[in-house]
């Protein structure tokens, strides 16, 4: 059903796609719920999107909480984004740790960010070049970016 909904969406039939995603979501399809959330964000229904993301997580997609965190971040709710990233990580989405680390970095907490990047790497979340773009020094600390003297 989701495949048919996706085809309708690609053809520009948003109403038909939404109807099919709604039908699939009634059977607990997390993909359908995430697609509905995206559609509702575009339509400005952030409450509906949040509910869909949470339901998708309840039906086995912890990355939906990471999507919720990104939505909150984009709307300026950094505190809510941090809470959603934490919740996503607690539900098994290690990539949420990368989002949380980035928030810490942006808030001027490089030590907290580094700890979270390392935790994400331990769980396999994020790529090593993203987490440590300049590698490690011989003592195991992250190598800072080179700057000409």
C-alpha atoms as a PDB file:
ATOM      1  CA  UNK A   1       0.000   0.000   0.000  1.00  0.00           C
ATOM      2  CA  UNK A   2       2.852   2.380   0.810  1.00  0.00           C
ATOM      3  CA  UNK A   3       4.358   1.776  -2.602  1.00  0.00           C
ATOM      4  CA  UNK A   4       1.091   2.787  -4.244  1.00  0.00           C
ATOM      5  CA  UNK A   5       0.929   5.845  -1.969  1.00  0.00           C
ATOM      6  CA  UNK A   6       4.480   6.792  -2.963  1.00  0.00           C
ATOM      7  CA  UNK A   7       3.571   6.499  -6.651  1.00  0.00           C
ATOM      8  CA  UNK A   8       0.518   8.706  -6.112  1.00  0.00           C
ATOM      9  CA  UNK A   9       2.693  11.209  -4.272  1.00  0.00           C
ATOM     10  CA  UNK A  10       5.227  11.259  -7.141  1.00  0.00           C
ATOM     11  CA  UNK A  11       2.384  11.786  -9.614  1.00  0.00           C
ATOM     12  CA  UNK A  12       1.273  14.842  -7.644  1.00  0.00           C
ATOM     13  CA  UNK A  13      -1.815  13.246  -6.132  1.00  0.00           C
ATOM     14  CA  UNK A  14      -1.201  14.352  -2.548  1.00  0.00           C
ATOM     15  CA  UNK A  15      -4.769  13.623  -1.410  1.00  0.00           C
ATOM     16  CA  UNK A  16      -4.669  10.101  -2.808  1.00  0.00           C
ATOM     17  CA  UNK A  17      -1.253   9.484  -1.308  1.00  0.00           C
ATOM     18  CA  UNK A  18      -2.328  10.763   2.087  1.00  0.00           C
ATOM     19  CA  UNK A  19      -5.439   8.557   2.033  1.00  0.00           C
ATOM     20  CA  UNK A  20      -3.323   5.483   1.299  1.00  0.00           C
ATOM     21  CA  UNK A  21      -0.711   6.376   3.920  1.00  0.00           C
ATOM     22  CA  UNK A  22      -3.528   6.865   6.461  1.00  0.00           C
ATOM     23  CA  UNK A  23      -4.918   3.446   5.586  1.00  0.00           C
ATOM     24  CA  UNK A  24      -1.493   1.824   5.984  1.00  0.00           C
ATOM     25  CA  UNK A  25      -0.882   3.705   9.231  1.00  0.00           C
ATOM     26  CA  UNK A  26      -4.029   2.161  10.730  1.00  0.00           C
ATOM     27  CA  UNK A  27      -2.185  -1.147  10.458  1.00  0.00           C
ATOM     28  CA  UNK A  28       0.795   0.298  12.331  1.00  0.00           C
ATOM     29  CA  UNK A  29       3.078   0.802   9.327  1.00  0.00           C
ATOM     30  CA  UNK A  30       5.869   3.077  10.626  1.00  0.00           C
ATOM     31  CA  UNK A  31       6.938   4.108   7.101  1.00  0.00           C
ATOM     32  CA  UNK A  32       3.407   5.340   6.370  1.00  0.00           C
ATOM     33  CA  UNK A  33       3.373   7.270   9.632  1.00  0.00           C
ATOM     34  CA  UNK A  34       6.679   8.981   8.834  1.00  0.00           C
ATOM     35  CA  UNK A  35       5.465   9.894   5.340  1.00  0.00           C
ATOM     36  CA  UNK A  36       2.273  11.326   6.852  1.00  0.00           C
ATOM     37  CA  UNK A  37       4.376  13.367   9.278  1.00  0.00           C
ATOM     38  CA  UNK A  38       6.385  14.824   6.378  1.00  0.00           C
ATOM     39  CA  UNK A  39       3.206  15.676   4.503  1.00  0.00           C
ATOM     40  CA  UNK A  40       1.717  17.328   7.577  1.00  0.00           C
ATOM     41  CA  UNK A  41       4.871  19.355   8.194  1.00  0.00           C
ATOM     42  CA  UNK A  42       4.588  20.719   4.653  1.00  0.00           C
ATOM     43  CA  UNK A  43       0.955  21.598   5.396  1.00  0.00           C
ATOM     44  CA  UNK A  44       1.942  23.308   8.664  1.00  0.00           C
ATOM     45  CA  UNK A  45       0.365  20.706  10.974  1.00  0.00           C
ATOM     46  CA  UNK A  46       3.260  20.264  13.409  1.00  0.00           C
ATOM     47  CA  UNK A  47       1.085  18.701  16.114  1.00  0.00           C
ATOM     48  CA  UNK A  48      -0.151  16.054  13.697  1.00  0.00           C
ATOM     49  CA  UNK A  49       3.404  15.439  12.522  1.00  0.00           C
ATOM     50  CA  UNK A  50       4.640  14.991  16.091  1.00  0.00           C
ATOM     51  CA  UNK A  51       1.851  12.520  16.841  1.00  0.00           C
ATOM     52  CA  UNK A  52       2.693  10.543  13.684  1.00  0.00           C
ATOM     53  CA  UNK A  53       6.419  10.465  14.532  1.00  0.00           C
ATOM     54  CA  UNK A  54       5.661   9.238  18.050  1.00  0.00           C
ATOM     55  CA  UNK A  55       3.311   6.551  16.753  1.00  0.00           C
ATOM     56  CA  UNK A  56       5.929   5.422  14.213  1.00  0.00           C
ATOM     57  CA  UNK A  57       8.428   5.051  17.073  1.00  0.00           C
ATOM     58  CA  UNK A  58       5.877   3.030  19.062  1.00  0.00           C
ATOM     59  CA  UNK A  59       5.542   0.731  16.043  1.00  0.00           C
ATOM     60  CA  UNK A  60       9.270   0.038  15.865  1.00  0.00           C
ATOM     61  CA  UNK A  61      10.961   2.972  14.136  1.00  0.00           C
ATOM     62  CA  UNK A  62      13.156   4.785  16.686  1.00  0.00           C
ATOM     63  CA  UNK A  63      14.593   6.999  13.937  1.00  0.00           C
ATOM     64  CA  UNK A  64      11.157   8.668  13.767  1.00  0.00           C
ATOM     65  CA  UNK A  65      12.041  10.357  17.058  1.00  0.00           C
ATOM     66  CA  UNK A  66      15.195  11.686  15.387  1.00  0.00           C
ATOM     67  CA  UNK A  67      12.966  13.133  12.666  1.00  0.00           C
ATOM     68  CA  UNK A  68      10.848  14.713  15.381  1.00  0.00           C
ATOM     69  CA  UNK A  69      14.010  16.223  16.883  1.00  0.00           C
ATOM     70  CA  UNK A  70      15.006  17.704  13.507  1.00  0.00           C
ATOM     71  CA  UNK A  71      11.509  19.139  13.075  1.00  0.00           C
ATOM     72  CA  UNK A  72      11.746  20.783  16.491  1.00  0.00           C
ATOM     73  CA  UNK A  73      15.191  22.097  15.678  1.00  0.00           C
ATOM     74  CA  UNK A  74      13.975  23.648  12.418  1.00  0.00           C
ATOM     75  CA  UNK A  75      11.155  25.398  14.267  1.00  0.00           C
ATOM     76  CA  UNK A  76      13.580  26.852  16.825  1.00  0.00           C
ATOM     77  CA  UNK A  77      12.705  24.530  19.710  1.00  0.00           C
ATOM     78  CA  UNK A  78      16.252  23.531  20.629  1.00  0.00           C
ATOM     79  CA  UNK A  79      15.249  22.289  24.085  1.00  0.00           C
ATOM     80  CA  UNK A  80      12.549  20.090  22.576  1.00  0.00           C
ATOM     81  CA  UNK A  81      14.991  18.907  19.912  1.00  0.00           C
ATOM     82  CA  UNK A  82      17.513  17.866  22.552  1.00  0.00           C
ATOM     83  CA  UNK A  83      14.831  15.960  24.470  1.00  0.00           C
ATOM     84  CA  UNK A  84      13.680  14.167  21.302  1.00  0.00           C
ATOM     85  CA  UNK A  85      17.267  13.282  20.304  1.00  0.00           C
ATOM     86  CA  UNK A  86      17.806  11.806  23.795  1.00  0.00           C
ATOM     87  CA  UNK A  87      14.572   9.846  23.556  1.00  0.00           C
ATOM     88  CA  UNK A  88      15.546   8.546  20.104  1.00  0.00           C
ATOM     89  CA  UNK A  89      18.942   7.416  21.407  1.00  0.00           C
ATOM     90  CA  UNK A  90      17.295   5.694  24.386  1.00  0.00           C
ATOM     91  CA  UNK A  91      15.003   3.838  21.955  1.00  0.00           C
ATOM     92  CA  UNK A  92      17.909   2.498  19.898  1.00  0.00           C
ATOM     93  CA  UNK A  93      18.781   5.191  17.344  1.00  0.00           C
ATOM     94  CA  UNK A  94      22.530   5.843  17.762  1.00  0.00           C
ATOM     95  CA  UNK A  95      22.506   8.447  14.981  1.00  0.00           C
ATOM     96  CA  UNK A  96      20.437  10.625  17.323  1.00  0.00           C
ATOM     97  CA  UNK A  97      23.590  10.958  19.436  1.00  0.00           C
ATOM     98  CA  UNK A  98      25.226  12.708  16.483  1.00  0.00           C
ATOM     99  CA  UNK A  99      22.371  15.241  16.340  1.00  0.00           C
ATOM    100  CA  UNK A 100      22.620  15.768  20.070  1.00  0.00           C
ATOM    101  CA  UNK A 101      26.402  16.204  19.819  1.00  0.00           C
ATOM    102  CA  UNK A 102      25.971  18.775  17.056  1.00  0.00           C
ATOM    103  CA  UNK A 103      23.572  20.747  19.277  1.00  0.00           C
ATOM    104  CA  UNK A 104      26.099  20.652  22.102  1.00  0.00           C
ATOM    105  CA  UNK A 105      28.826  21.806  19.743  1.00  0.00           C
ATOM    106  CA  UNK A 106      26.667  24.702  18.526  1.00  0.00           C
ATOM    107  CA  UNK A 107      25.945  25.636  22.152  1.00  0.00           C
ATOM    108  CA  UNK A 108      29.661  25.938  22.926  1.00  0.00           C
ATOM    109  CA  UNK A 109      30.107  22.634  24.742  1.00  0.00           C
ATOM    110  CA  UNK A 110      32.915  20.903  22.800  1.00  0.00           C
ATOM    111  CA  UNK A 111      33.648  18.416  25.618  1.00  0.00           C
ATOM    112  CA  UNK A 112      30.008  17.328  25.805  1.00  0.00           C
ATOM    113  CA  UNK A 113      29.875  17.105  22.011  1.00  0.00           C
ATOM    114  CA  UNK A 114      33.020  14.979  21.868  1.00  0.00           C
ATOM    115  CA  UNK A 115      31.679  12.578  24.502  1.00  0.00           C
ATOM    116  CA  UNK A 116      28.470  12.148  22.497  1.00  0.00           C
ATOM    117  CA  UNK A 117      30.339  11.711  19.195  1.00  0.00           C
ATOM    118  CA  UNK A 118      32.433   8.992  20.834  1.00  0.00           C
ATOM    119  CA  UNK A 119      29.321   7.327  22.240  1.00  0.00           C
ATOM    120  CA  UNK A 120      27.742   7.400  18.769  1.00  0.00           C
ATOM    121  CA  UNK A 121      30.885   5.872  17.270  1.00  0.00           C
ATOM    122  CA  UNK A 122      30.821   3.126  19.926  1.00  0.00           C
ATOM    123  CA  UNK A 123      27.270   2.251  18.864  1.00  0.00           C
ATOM    124  CA  UNK A 124      28.074   2.520  15.182  1.00  0.00           C
ATOM    125  CA  UNK A 125      26.163   5.757  14.617  1.00  0.00           C
ATOM    126  CA  UNK A 126      27.662   8.266  12.209  1.00  0.00           C
ATOM    127  CA  UNK A 127      30.709   7.858  10.045  1.00  0.00           C
ATOM    128  CA  UNK A 128      34.202   8.102  11.553  1.00  0.00           C
ATOM    129  CA  UNK A 129      35.172  10.876   9.129  1.00  0.00           C
ATOM    130  CA  UNK A 130      32.134  12.895  10.218  1.00  0.00           C
ATOM    131  CA  UNK A 131      32.832  12.283  13.889  1.00  0.00           C
ATOM    132  CA  UNK A 132      36.597  12.779  13.709  1.00  0.00           C
ATOM    133  CA  UNK A 133      37.267  14.538  10.382  1.00  0.00           C
ATOM    134  CA  UNK A 134      40.969  15.138  11.112  1.00  0.00           C
ATOM    135  CA  UNK A 135      41.684  11.773  12.726  1.00  0.00           C
ATOM    136  CA  UNK A 136      43.286  11.098  16.070  1.00  0.00           C
ATOM    137  CA  UNK A 137      46.598  12.196  17.553  1.00  0.00           C
ATOM    138  CA  UNK A 138      48.922   9.429  18.811  1.00  0.00           C
ATOM    139  CA  UNK A 139      47.569   9.898  22.353  1.00  0.00           C
ATOM    140  CA  UNK A 140      43.999   9.177  21.143  1.00  0.00           C
ATOM    141  CA  UNK A 141      42.668  12.730  21.264  1.00  0.00           C
ATOM    142  CA  UNK A 142      40.932  14.194  18.224  1.00  0.00           C
ATOM    143  CA  UNK A 143      43.292  16.040  15.916  1.00  0.00           C
ATOM    144  CA  UNK A 144      42.286  19.698  15.513  1.00  0.00           C
ATOM    145  CA  UNK A 145      41.915  21.263  12.090  1.00  0.00           C
ATOM    146  CA  UNK A 146      45.223  22.419  10.686  1.00  0.00           C
ATOM    147  CA  UNK A 147      45.632  26.165  10.330  1.00  0.00           C
ATOM    148  CA  UNK A 148      48.629  27.929   8.780  1.00  0.00           C
ATOM    149  CA  UNK A 149      50.840  29.742  11.271  1.00  0.00           C
END
